[in-house]
């Protein structure tokens, strides 16, 4: 029996087959906070290929002792270089990537398509992953503690002009594939806006493609060229460019970092996906429907 989980043939599995397949998968992936999704077990396999395991908490960085020591040994080098801990193996040029934009169906925290909120209902969600630190300002609140430190298997796309050229083609093809349905791009699963020209690229894409929208977070700040470019594009496109200021002081359209739900500041809301109030970004939509500050539990 092919072990292909809760999608493709997995959607036609009997409960007994699904339970056997799940047991096999869990034996190969001990300690995971997610598991494969199986329609026969009542999982919504149209939302995500994976489901969260109850009681595992939000995606916290539970590291082994050996993993902690390795991170400490690498810390000084990568902070000095401004690179990902995994830059040697996990940063690829666009030409070596099968796809730059990855479906949210493969990410249990994101989800396949927008299912809640007034904006972008039905849009398919895709994520773009760049190299953390190499594209980020050194003033980022999470420069040392970036959750990318705990993502050794995530493939980061090398940034630069080649990325923008490749993205232009891929966006065109994805929009044609989706037909009348639009796409919502999550910028950036890792990384940040690295230049004013890159921000202008997204401005041009939004003007060219009416069924395109993006959301995400930036550690850039108004007052520097990149932050000013982000502010200009936000003013032009509104919620189609729903980029929030990470750990910003702005009264709206910003994020806050908290250690516990009780630390949530007045006027903000704690991310519903992290607290288990909703399954994924796709079933929430607050980050692009609302400008109210969102508080994220630190990873």
C-alpha atoms as a PDB file:
ATOM      1  CA  UNK A   1       0.000   0.000   0.000  1.00  0.00           C
ATOM      2  CA  UNK A   2       1.409   3.387  -0.948  1.00  0.00           C
ATOM      3  CA  UNK A   3       1.843   5.644   2.057  1.00  0.00           C
ATOM      4  CA  UNK A   4       0.489   8.835   0.484  1.00  0.00           C
ATOM      5  CA  UNK A   5      -1.495  10.235   3.397  1.00  0.00           C
ATOM      6  CA  UNK A   6      -4.768  12.128   3.273  1.00  0.00           C
ATOM      7  CA  UNK A   7      -4.623  13.329  -0.334  1.00  0.00           C
ATOM      8  CA  UNK A   8      -4.641  11.672  -3.785  1.00  0.00           C
ATOM      9  CA  UNK A   9      -5.251   7.965  -3.041  1.00  0.00           C
ATOM     10  CA  UNK A  10      -5.332   8.837   0.683  1.00  0.00           C
ATOM     11  CA  UNK A  11      -8.755  10.382   0.187  1.00  0.00           C
ATOM     12  CA  UNK A  12     -10.069   6.951  -0.810  1.00  0.00           C
ATOM     13  CA  UNK A  13      -8.512   4.987   2.038  1.00  0.00           C
ATOM     14  CA  UNK A  14     -10.628   2.998   4.437  1.00  0.00           C
ATOM     15  CA  UNK A  15     -10.302   3.938   8.093  1.00  0.00           C
ATOM     16  CA  UNK A  16      -8.208   0.832   8.741  1.00  0.00           C
ATOM     17  CA  UNK A  17      -5.840   1.707   5.893  1.00  0.00           C
ATOM     18  CA  UNK A  18      -5.566   5.299   7.113  1.00  0.00           C
ATOM     19  CA  UNK A  19      -4.774   4.219  10.667  1.00  0.00           C
ATOM     20  CA  UNK A  20      -2.098   1.834   9.427  1.00  0.00           C
ATOM     21  CA  UNK A  21      -0.587   4.504   7.182  1.00  0.00           C
ATOM     22  CA  UNK A  22      -0.637   7.032  10.011  1.00  0.00           C
ATOM     23  CA  UNK A  23       1.096   4.626  12.383  1.00  0.00           C
ATOM     24  CA  UNK A  24       3.807   4.037   9.787  1.00  0.00           C
ATOM     25  CA  UNK A  25       4.291   7.776   9.219  1.00  0.00           C
ATOM     26  CA  UNK A  26       4.445   8.585  12.938  1.00  0.00           C
ATOM     27  CA  UNK A  27       7.021   5.863  13.499  1.00  0.00           C
ATOM     28  CA  UNK A  28       9.253   7.569  10.932  1.00  0.00           C
ATOM     29  CA  UNK A  29       8.601  11.083  12.304  1.00  0.00           C
ATOM     30  CA  UNK A  30       8.668  10.871  16.122  1.00  0.00           C
ATOM     31  CA  UNK A  31       8.172  14.063  18.100  1.00  0.00           C
ATOM     32  CA  UNK A  32       6.429  15.969  15.309  1.00  0.00           C
ATOM     33  CA  UNK A  33       3.773  18.501  16.305  1.00  0.00           C
ATOM     34  CA  UNK A  34       1.883  17.716  13.090  1.00  0.00           C
ATOM     35  CA  UNK A  35       0.809  14.537  11.334  1.00  0.00           C
ATOM     36  CA  UNK A  36      -0.434  13.637   7.886  1.00  0.00           C
ATOM     37  CA  UNK A  37      -4.073  14.386   7.150  1.00  0.00           C
ATOM     38  CA  UNK A  38      -6.456  11.543   6.299  1.00  0.00           C
ATOM     39  CA  UNK A  39      -9.979  12.005   4.997  1.00  0.00           C
ATOM     40  CA  UNK A  40     -10.901   8.584   6.405  1.00  0.00           C
ATOM     41  CA  UNK A  41     -10.038   9.903   9.886  1.00  0.00           C
ATOM     42  CA  UNK A  42     -12.249  12.950   9.469  1.00  0.00           C
ATOM     43  CA  UNK A  43      -9.492  15.414   8.537  1.00  0.00           C
ATOM     44  CA  UNK A  44     -10.127  18.245   6.090  1.00  0.00           C
ATOM     45  CA  UNK A  45      -7.584  17.241   3.484  1.00  0.00           C
ATOM     46  CA  UNK A  46      -8.677  20.085   1.198  1.00  0.00           C
ATOM     47  CA  UNK A  47      -7.330  22.646   3.681  1.00  0.00           C
ATOM     48  CA  UNK A  48      -3.923  21.102   4.409  1.00  0.00           C
ATOM     49  CA  UNK A  49      -1.921  17.960   3.801  1.00  0.00           C
ATOM     50  CA  UNK A  50      -1.202  17.951   7.541  1.00  0.00           C
ATOM     51  CA  UNK A  51      -3.085  18.483  10.800  1.00  0.00           C
ATOM     52  CA  UNK A  52      -1.823  19.597  14.200  1.00  0.00           C
ATOM     53  CA  UNK A  53      -1.456  17.064  16.963  1.00  0.00           C
ATOM     54  CA  UNK A  54      -3.548  18.097  19.957  1.00  0.00           C
ATOM     55  CA  UNK A  55      -1.546  19.123  22.979  1.00  0.00           C
ATOM     56  CA  UNK A  56       1.599  19.913  20.996  1.00  0.00           C
ATOM     57  CA  UNK A  57       1.221  23.663  21.526  1.00  0.00           C
ATOM     58  CA  UNK A  58       2.061  26.329  18.972  1.00  0.00           C
ATOM     59  CA  UNK A  59       5.099  25.846  16.778  1.00  0.00           C
ATOM     60  CA  UNK A  60       7.552  26.405  19.590  1.00  0.00           C
ATOM     61  CA  UNK A  61      11.242  25.630  19.273  1.00  0.00           C
ATOM     62  CA  UNK A  62      11.578  22.432  21.293  1.00  0.00           C
ATOM     63  CA  UNK A  63      15.188  21.498  20.590  1.00  0.00           C
ATOM     64  CA  UNK A  64      17.277  18.569  21.710  1.00  0.00           C
ATOM     65  CA  UNK A  65      20.395  19.253  23.774  1.00  0.00           C
ATOM     66  CA  UNK A  66      22.613  18.444  20.784  1.00  0.00           C
ATOM     67  CA  UNK A  67      20.556  20.795  18.637  1.00  0.00           C
ATOM     68  CA  UNK A  68      20.880  23.587  21.201  1.00  0.00           C
ATOM     69  CA  UNK A  69      24.663  23.172  21.366  1.00  0.00           C
ATOM     70  CA  UNK A  70      24.942  23.201  17.573  1.00  0.00           C
ATOM     71  CA  UNK A  71      22.893  26.405  17.367  1.00  0.00           C
ATOM     72  CA  UNK A  72      25.071  28.056  20.001  1.00  0.00           C
ATOM     73  CA  UNK A  73      28.216  27.099  18.089  1.00  0.00           C
ATOM     74  CA  UNK A  74      26.823  28.546  14.860  1.00  0.00           C
ATOM     75  CA  UNK A  75      25.324  31.661  16.438  1.00  0.00           C
ATOM     76  CA  UNK A  76      28.321  33.985  16.380  1.00  0.00           C
ATOM     77  CA  UNK A  77      29.238  33.148  12.788  1.00  0.00           C
ATOM     78  CA  UNK A  78      25.798  33.647  11.261  1.00  0.00           C
ATOM     79  CA  UNK A  79      25.076  36.817  13.242  1.00  0.00           C
ATOM     80  CA  UNK A  80      28.345  38.300  12.025  1.00  0.00           C
ATOM     81  CA  UNK A  81      27.729  37.248   8.423  1.00  0.00           C
ATOM     82  CA  UNK A  82      24.043  38.110   8.441  1.00  0.00           C
ATOM     83  CA  UNK A  83      23.060  34.719   7.049  1.00  0.00           C
ATOM     84  CA  UNK A  84      20.819  31.778   7.838  1.00  0.00           C
ATOM     85  CA  UNK A  85      22.287  29.067  10.027  1.00  0.00           C
ATOM     86  CA  UNK A  86      21.518  26.741   7.118  1.00  0.00           C
ATOM     87  CA  UNK A  87      22.839  28.968   4.315  1.00  0.00           C
ATOM     88  CA  UNK A  88      25.363  26.422   3.040  1.00  0.00           C
ATOM     89  CA  UNK A  89      22.748  23.861   1.995  1.00  0.00           C
ATOM     90  CA  UNK A  90      19.298  25.432   2.118  1.00  0.00           C
ATOM     91  CA  UNK A  91      19.673  28.593   0.014  1.00  0.00           C
ATOM     92  CA  UNK A  92      19.107  27.889  -3.671  1.00  0.00           C
ATOM     93  CA  UNK A  93      19.180  30.104  -6.769  1.00  0.00           C
ATOM     94  CA  UNK A  94      15.821  30.400  -8.573  1.00  0.00           C
ATOM     95  CA  UNK A  95      17.155  28.332 -11.469  1.00  0.00           C
ATOM     96  CA  UNK A  96      17.487  25.298  -9.175  1.00  0.00           C
ATOM     97  CA  UNK A  97      13.977  25.585  -7.758  1.00  0.00           C
ATOM     98  CA  UNK A  98      11.076  23.597  -9.137  1.00  0.00           C
ATOM     99  CA  UNK A  99       8.767  26.351  -7.848  1.00  0.00           C
ATOM    100  CA  UNK A 100       9.323  29.587  -5.962  1.00  0.00           C
ATOM    101  CA  UNK A 101       5.786  29.979  -4.657  1.00  0.00           C
ATOM    102  CA  UNK A 102       4.715  26.989  -2.567  1.00  0.00           C
ATOM    103  CA  UNK A 103       1.053  26.149  -2.022  1.00  0.00           C
ATOM    104  CA  UNK A 104      -0.289  26.817   1.465  1.00  0.00           C
ATOM    105  CA  UNK A 105      -1.783  23.312   1.233  1.00  0.00           C
ATOM    106  CA  UNK A 106       1.656  22.041   2.258  1.00  0.00           C
ATOM    107  CA  UNK A 107       1.796  24.282   5.341  1.00  0.00           C
ATOM    108  CA  UNK A 108      -0.448  23.346   8.273  1.00  0.00           C
ATOM    109  CA  UNK A 109      -0.295  26.922   9.611  1.00  0.00           C
ATOM    110  CA  UNK A 110      -1.296  28.551   6.303  1.00  0.00           C
ATOM    111  CA  UNK A 111      -3.882  26.421   4.475  1.00  0.00           C
ATOM    112  CA  UNK A 112      -4.750  26.034   0.815  1.00  0.00           C
ATOM    113  CA  UNK A 113      -7.333  28.763   0.133  1.00  0.00           C
ATOM    114  CA  UNK A 114      -9.005  31.686   1.889  1.00  0.00           C
ATOM    115  CA  UNK A 115     -12.193  30.544   3.633  1.00  0.00           C
ATOM    116  CA  UNK A 116     -13.099  33.401   5.945  1.00  0.00           C
ATOM    117  CA  UNK A 117     -13.413  37.173   5.773  1.00  0.00           C
ATOM    118  CA  UNK A 118     -14.718  39.653   3.231  1.00  0.00           C
ATOM    119  CA  UNK A 119     -11.447  39.999   1.326  1.00  0.00           C
ATOM    120  CA  UNK A 120      -9.997  37.458  -1.104  1.00  0.00           C
ATOM    121  CA  UNK A 121     -12.456  34.675  -0.299  1.00  0.00           C
ATOM    122  CA  UNK A 122     -11.540  31.671  -2.448  1.00  0.00           C
ATOM    123  CA  UNK A 123      -8.054  32.937  -3.345  1.00  0.00           C
ATOM    124  CA  UNK A 124      -5.404  30.199  -3.277  1.00  0.00           C
ATOM    125  CA  UNK A 125      -2.538  30.945  -0.890  1.00  0.00           C
ATOM    126  CA  UNK A 126       1.139  30.589  -1.776  1.00  0.00           C
ATOM    127  CA  UNK A 127       4.230  31.266   0.321  1.00  0.00           C
ATOM    128  CA  UNK A 128       7.620  32.686  -0.632  1.00  0.00           C
ATOM    129  CA  UNK A 129      10.632  31.799   1.523  1.00  0.00           C
ATOM    130  CA  UNK A 130      13.804  33.890   1.356  1.00  0.00           C
ATOM    131  CA  UNK A 131      16.962  33.732   3.441  1.00  0.00           C
ATOM    132  CA  UNK A 132      16.510  35.117   6.934  1.00  0.00           C
ATOM    133  CA  UNK A 133      19.000  37.778   8.075  1.00  0.00           C
ATOM    134  CA  UNK A 134      20.499  38.089   4.565  1.00  0.00           C
ATOM    135  CA  UNK A 135      17.381  40.019   3.504  1.00  0.00           C
ATOM    136  CA  UNK A 136      16.487  41.493   6.907  1.00  0.00           C
ATOM    137  CA  UNK A 137      17.571  44.647   8.764  1.00  0.00           C
ATOM    138  CA  UNK A 138      19.971  44.070  11.638  1.00  0.00           C
ATOM    139  CA  UNK A 139      17.568  46.091  13.788  1.00  0.00           C
ATOM    140  CA  UNK A 140      14.994  43.272  13.593  1.00  0.00           C
ATOM    141  CA  UNK A 141      13.713  42.363  17.063  1.00  0.00           C
ATOM    142  CA  UNK A 142      14.290  38.683  16.198  1.00  0.00           C
ATOM    143  CA  UNK A 143      17.727  39.016  14.568  1.00  0.00           C
ATOM    144  CA  UNK A 144      19.194  36.457  16.978  1.00  0.00           C
ATOM    145  CA  UNK A 145      16.053  34.477  17.771  1.00  0.00           C
ATOM    146  CA  UNK A 146      14.548  34.128  14.275  1.00  0.00           C
ATOM    147  CA  UNK A 147      12.311  31.060  14.016  1.00  0.00           C
ATOM    148  CA  UNK A 148      14.295  30.166  10.890  1.00  0.00           C
ATOM    149  CA  UNK A 149      16.935  28.933  13.350  1.00  0.00           C
ATOM    150  CA  UNK A 150      14.636  25.945  13.867  1.00  0.00           C
ATOM    151  CA  UNK A 151      13.822  25.275  10.197  1.00  0.00           C
ATOM    152  CA  UNK A 152      16.708  23.160   8.847  1.00  0.00           C
ATOM    153  CA  UNK A 153      14.647  21.655   6.011  1.00  0.00           C
ATOM    154  CA  UNK A 154      13.093  24.858   4.626  1.00  0.00           C
ATOM    155  CA  UNK A 155      14.503  25.760   1.215  1.00  0.00           C
ATOM    156  CA  UNK A 156      15.266  29.456   0.942  1.00  0.00           C
ATOM    157  CA  UNK A 157      15.309  31.165  -2.462  1.00  0.00           C
ATOM    158  CA  UNK A 158      18.366  33.271  -3.204  1.00  0.00           C
ATOM    159  CA  UNK A 159      17.380  36.915  -3.545  1.00  0.00           C
ATOM    160  CA  UNK A 160      18.358  39.243  -6.364  1.00  0.00           C
ATOM    161  CA  UNK A 161      17.291  40.286  -9.891  1.00  0.00           C
ATOM    162  CA  UNK A 162      16.993  36.659 -11.035  1.00  0.00           C
ATOM    163  CA  UNK A 163      14.375  36.037  -8.376  1.00  0.00           C
ATOM    164  CA  UNK A 164      12.216  38.917  -9.583  1.00  0.00           C
ATOM    165  CA  UNK A 165      12.437  37.755 -13.194  1.00  0.00           C
ATOM    166  CA  UNK A 166      11.471  34.214 -12.216  1.00  0.00           C
ATOM    167  CA  UNK A 167       8.659  35.401  -9.940  1.00  0.00           C
ATOM    168  CA  UNK A 168       7.143  37.492 -12.722  1.00  0.00           C
ATOM    169  CA  UNK A 169       6.812  34.401 -14.905  1.00  0.00           C
ATOM    170  CA  UNK A 170       5.553  32.185 -12.100  1.00  0.00           C
ATOM    171  CA  UNK A 171       2.917  34.687 -10.980  1.00  0.00           C
ATOM    172  CA  UNK A 172       1.608  34.967 -14.528  1.00  0.00           C
ATOM    173  CA  UNK A 173       1.405  31.198 -14.892  1.00  0.00           C
ATOM    174  CA  UNK A 174      -0.248  30.651 -11.487  1.00  0.00           C
ATOM    175  CA  UNK A 175      -2.912  33.258 -12.160  1.00  0.00           C
ATOM    176  CA  UNK A 176      -3.640  31.687 -15.535  1.00  0.00           C
ATOM    177  CA  UNK A 177      -3.876  28.264 -13.881  1.00  0.00           C
ATOM    178  CA  UNK A 178      -6.315  29.467 -11.209  1.00  0.00           C
ATOM    179  CA  UNK A 179      -8.656  30.960 -13.817  1.00  0.00           C
ATOM    180  CA  UNK A 180     -11.082  33.446 -12.280  1.00  0.00           C
ATOM    181  CA  UNK A 181      -9.824  32.683  -8.786  1.00  0.00           C
ATOM    182  CA  UNK A 182      -7.076  34.938  -7.482  1.00  0.00           C
ATOM    183  CA  UNK A 183      -3.955  34.152  -5.489  1.00  0.00           C
ATOM    184  CA  UNK A 184      -2.778  35.514  -2.132  1.00  0.00           C
ATOM    185  CA  UNK A 185       0.989  35.416  -1.595  1.00  0.00           C
ATOM    186  CA  UNK A 186       2.426  35.211   1.924  1.00  0.00           C
ATOM    187  CA  UNK A 187       5.517  37.450   2.062  1.00  0.00           C
ATOM    188  CA  UNK A 188       7.756  36.160   3.525  1.00  0.00           C
ATOM    189  CA  UNK A 189       7.714  32.809   5.335  1.00  0.00           C
ATOM    190  CA  UNK A 190      11.341  33.677   6.070  1.00  0.00           C
ATOM    191  CA  UNK A 191      13.227  36.797   5.082  1.00  0.00           C
ATOM    192  CA  UNK A 192      12.128  40.350   4.308  1.00  0.00           C
ATOM    193  CA  UNK A 193      12.124  43.053   1.637  1.00  0.00           C
ATOM    194  CA  UNK A 194      15.762  43.534   0.700  1.00  0.00           C
ATOM    195  CA  UNK A 195      15.672  46.628  -1.549  1.00  0.00           C
ATOM    196  CA  UNK A 196      13.377  49.445  -2.750  1.00  0.00           C
ATOM    197  CA  UNK A 197      13.501  47.865  -6.200  1.00  0.00           C
ATOM    198  CA  UNK A 198      12.098  44.620  -4.828  1.00  0.00           C
ATOM    199  CA  UNK A 199       9.244  46.507  -3.155  1.00  0.00           C
ATOM    200  CA  UNK A 200       8.598  48.264  -6.478  1.00  0.00           C
ATOM    201  CA  UNK A 201       8.465  44.852  -8.144  1.00  0.00           C
ATOM    202  CA  UNK A 202       5.449  43.907  -6.020  1.00  0.00           C
ATOM    203  CA  UNK A 203       3.860  47.271  -6.776  1.00  0.00           C
ATOM    204  CA  UNK A 204       4.215  46.524 -10.492  1.00  0.00           C
ATOM    205  CA  UNK A 205       2.828  42.999 -10.123  1.00  0.00           C
ATOM    206  CA  UNK A 206      -0.220  44.247  -8.202  1.00  0.00           C
ATOM    207  CA  UNK A 207      -0.905  46.832 -10.901  1.00  0.00           C
ATOM    208  CA  UNK A 208      -0.501  44.242 -13.643  1.00  0.00           C
ATOM    209  CA  UNK A 209      -2.596  41.496 -12.015  1.00  0.00           C
ATOM    210  CA  UNK A 210      -5.925  42.597 -10.450  1.00  0.00           C
ATOM    211  CA  UNK A 211      -6.458  39.100  -8.969  1.00  0.00           C
ATOM    212  CA  UNK A 212      -3.183  39.168  -7.039  1.00  0.00           C
ATOM    213  CA  UNK A 213      -2.884  40.142  -3.363  1.00  0.00           C
ATOM    214  CA  UNK A 214      -0.102  39.759  -0.792  1.00  0.00           C
ATOM    215  CA  UNK A 215       0.159  39.776   2.983  1.00  0.00           C
ATOM    216  CA  UNK A 216       2.977  39.470   5.467  1.00  0.00           C
ATOM    217  CA  UNK A 217       5.216  41.328   7.896  1.00  0.00           C
ATOM    218  CA  UNK A 218       8.324  43.482   7.635  1.00  0.00           C
ATOM    219  CA  UNK A 219      10.972  44.593  10.121  1.00  0.00           C
ATOM    220  CA  UNK A 220      11.745  47.556   7.869  1.00  0.00           C
ATOM    221  CA  UNK A 221      10.803  50.988   9.174  1.00  0.00           C
ATOM    222  CA  UNK A 222       9.616  54.212   7.625  1.00  0.00           C
ATOM    223  CA  UNK A 223      12.526  56.618   7.439  1.00  0.00           C
ATOM    224  CA  UNK A 224      14.809  54.266   5.509  1.00  0.00           C
ATOM    225  CA  UNK A 225      14.525  53.746   1.727  1.00  0.00           C
ATOM    226  CA  UNK A 226      13.075  50.236   1.933  1.00  0.00           C
ATOM    227  CA  UNK A 227      10.590  51.063   4.678  1.00  0.00           C
ATOM    228  CA  UNK A 228       9.491  54.199   2.837  1.00  0.00           C
ATOM    229  CA  UNK A 229       8.937  52.130  -0.312  1.00  0.00           C
ATOM    230  CA  UNK A 230       6.780  49.673   1.667  1.00  0.00           C
ATOM    231  CA  UNK A 231       4.713  52.567   3.061  1.00  0.00           C
ATOM    232  CA  UNK A 232       4.160  53.979  -0.451  1.00  0.00           C
ATOM    233  CA  UNK A 233       2.949  50.652  -1.843  1.00  0.00           C
ATOM    234  CA  UNK A 234       0.678  50.147   1.166  1.00  0.00           C
ATOM    235  CA  UNK A 235      -0.880  53.551   0.493  1.00  0.00           C
ATOM    236  CA  UNK A 236      -1.430  52.693  -3.176  1.00  0.00           C
ATOM    237  CA  UNK A 237      -2.896  49.191  -2.825  1.00  0.00           C
ATOM    238  CA  UNK A 238      -4.452  49.106   0.643  1.00  0.00           C
ATOM    239  CA  UNK A 239      -5.279  45.582   1.837  1.00  0.00           C
ATOM    240  CA  UNK A 240      -4.048  44.045  -1.422  1.00  0.00           C
ATOM    241  CA  UNK A 241      -0.607  44.818   0.041  1.00  0.00           C
ATOM    242  CA  UNK A 242      -1.385  43.890   3.653  1.00  0.00           C
ATOM    243  CA  UNK A 243       2.142  44.163   5.014  1.00  0.00           C
ATOM    244  CA  UNK A 244       2.270  44.775   8.760  1.00  0.00           C
ATOM    245  CA  UNK A 245       5.105  46.496  10.621  1.00  0.00           C
ATOM    246  CA  UNK A 246       6.755  43.795  12.753  1.00  0.00           C
ATOM    247  CA  UNK A 247       7.096  44.826  16.405  1.00  0.00           C
ATOM    248  CA  UNK A 248       6.184  48.308  15.264  1.00  0.00           C
ATOM    249  CA  UNK A 249       5.014  51.205  17.406  1.00  0.00           C
ATOM    250  CA  UNK A 250       2.226  52.145  14.998  1.00  0.00           C
ATOM    251  CA  UNK A 251      -1.268  52.001  16.531  1.00  0.00           C
ATOM    252  CA  UNK A 252      -2.501  49.798  13.694  1.00  0.00           C
ATOM    253  CA  UNK A 253      -1.277  47.443  10.959  1.00  0.00           C
ATOM    254  CA  UNK A 254       1.559  46.254  13.188  1.00  0.00           C
ATOM    255  CA  UNK A 255       2.559  43.169  15.155  1.00  0.00           C
ATOM    256  CA  UNK A 256       3.629  42.665  18.753  1.00  0.00           C
ATOM    257  CA  UNK A 257       5.766  39.850  20.187  1.00  0.00           C
ATOM    258  CA  UNK A 258       4.582  38.338  23.459  1.00  0.00           C
ATOM    259  CA  UNK A 259       5.670  35.426  25.630  1.00  0.00           C
ATOM    260  CA  UNK A 260       2.205  34.576  26.947  1.00  0.00           C
ATOM    261  CA  UNK A 261      -1.390  35.367  26.012  1.00  0.00           C
ATOM    262  CA  UNK A 262      -1.686  37.437  29.194  1.00  0.00           C
ATOM    263  CA  UNK A 263       0.973  39.775  27.765  1.00  0.00           C
ATOM    264  CA  UNK A 264      -1.213  40.832  24.844  1.00  0.00           C
ATOM    265  CA  UNK A 265      -1.282  44.670  24.868  1.00  0.00           C
ATOM    266  CA  UNK A 266      -4.558  46.622  24.896  1.00  0.00           C
ATOM    267  CA  UNK A 267      -6.102  47.053  21.464  1.00  0.00           C
ATOM    268  CA  UNK A 268      -4.364  43.999  19.969  1.00  0.00           C
ATOM    269  CA  UNK A 269      -5.475  40.399  19.464  1.00  0.00           C
ATOM    270  CA  UNK A 270      -3.467  37.212  19.871  1.00  0.00           C
ATOM    271  CA  UNK A 271      -2.991  35.232  16.651  1.00  0.00           C
ATOM    272  CA  UNK A 272      -5.971  32.790  16.591  1.00  0.00           C
ATOM    273  CA  UNK A 273      -3.944  30.129  14.774  1.00  0.00           C
ATOM    274  CA  UNK A 274      -1.347  30.041  17.540  1.00  0.00           C
ATOM    275  CA  UNK A 275      -3.954  29.687  20.277  1.00  0.00           C
ATOM    276  CA  UNK A 276      -5.925  26.967  18.473  1.00  0.00           C
ATOM    277  CA  UNK A 277      -8.998  29.119  17.894  1.00  0.00           C
ATOM    278  CA  UNK A 278      -8.757  28.519  14.171  1.00  0.00           C
ATOM    279  CA  UNK A 279      -7.033  25.921  12.022  1.00  0.00           C
ATOM    280  CA  UNK A 280      -4.894  28.153   9.821  1.00  0.00           C
ATOM    281  CA  UNK A 281      -4.468  31.589   8.265  1.00  0.00           C
ATOM    282  CA  UNK A 282      -6.908  30.449   5.574  1.00  0.00           C
ATOM    283  CA  UNK A 283      -9.696  30.022   8.127  1.00  0.00           C
ATOM    284  CA  UNK A 284      -8.928  33.298   9.918  1.00  0.00           C
ATOM    285  CA  UNK A 285      -8.062  36.114   7.528  1.00  0.00           C
ATOM    286  CA  UNK A 286      -7.664  38.809  10.190  1.00  0.00           C
ATOM    287  CA  UNK A 287      -4.147  39.799   9.116  1.00  0.00           C
ATOM    288  CA  UNK A 288      -5.397  41.013   5.736  1.00  0.00           C
ATOM    289  CA  UNK A 289      -8.996  41.939   6.613  1.00  0.00           C
ATOM    290  CA  UNK A 290      -8.163  44.026   9.691  1.00  0.00           C
ATOM    291  CA  UNK A 291      -5.518  46.590  10.623  1.00  0.00           C
ATOM    292  CA  UNK A 292      -5.882  45.913  14.350  1.00  0.00           C
ATOM    293  CA  UNK A 293      -2.464  44.982  15.852  1.00  0.00           C
ATOM    294  CA  UNK A 294      -1.818  41.253  16.114  1.00  0.00           C
ATOM    295  CA  UNK A 295       0.266  39.741  18.917  1.00  0.00           C
ATOM    296  CA  UNK A 296       2.336  36.661  18.114  1.00  0.00           C
ATOM    297  CA  UNK A 297       3.555  34.217  20.734  1.00  0.00           C
ATOM    298  CA  UNK A 298       7.328  34.057  20.486  1.00  0.00           C
ATOM    299  CA  UNK A 299       8.631  30.832  18.951  1.00  0.00           C
END
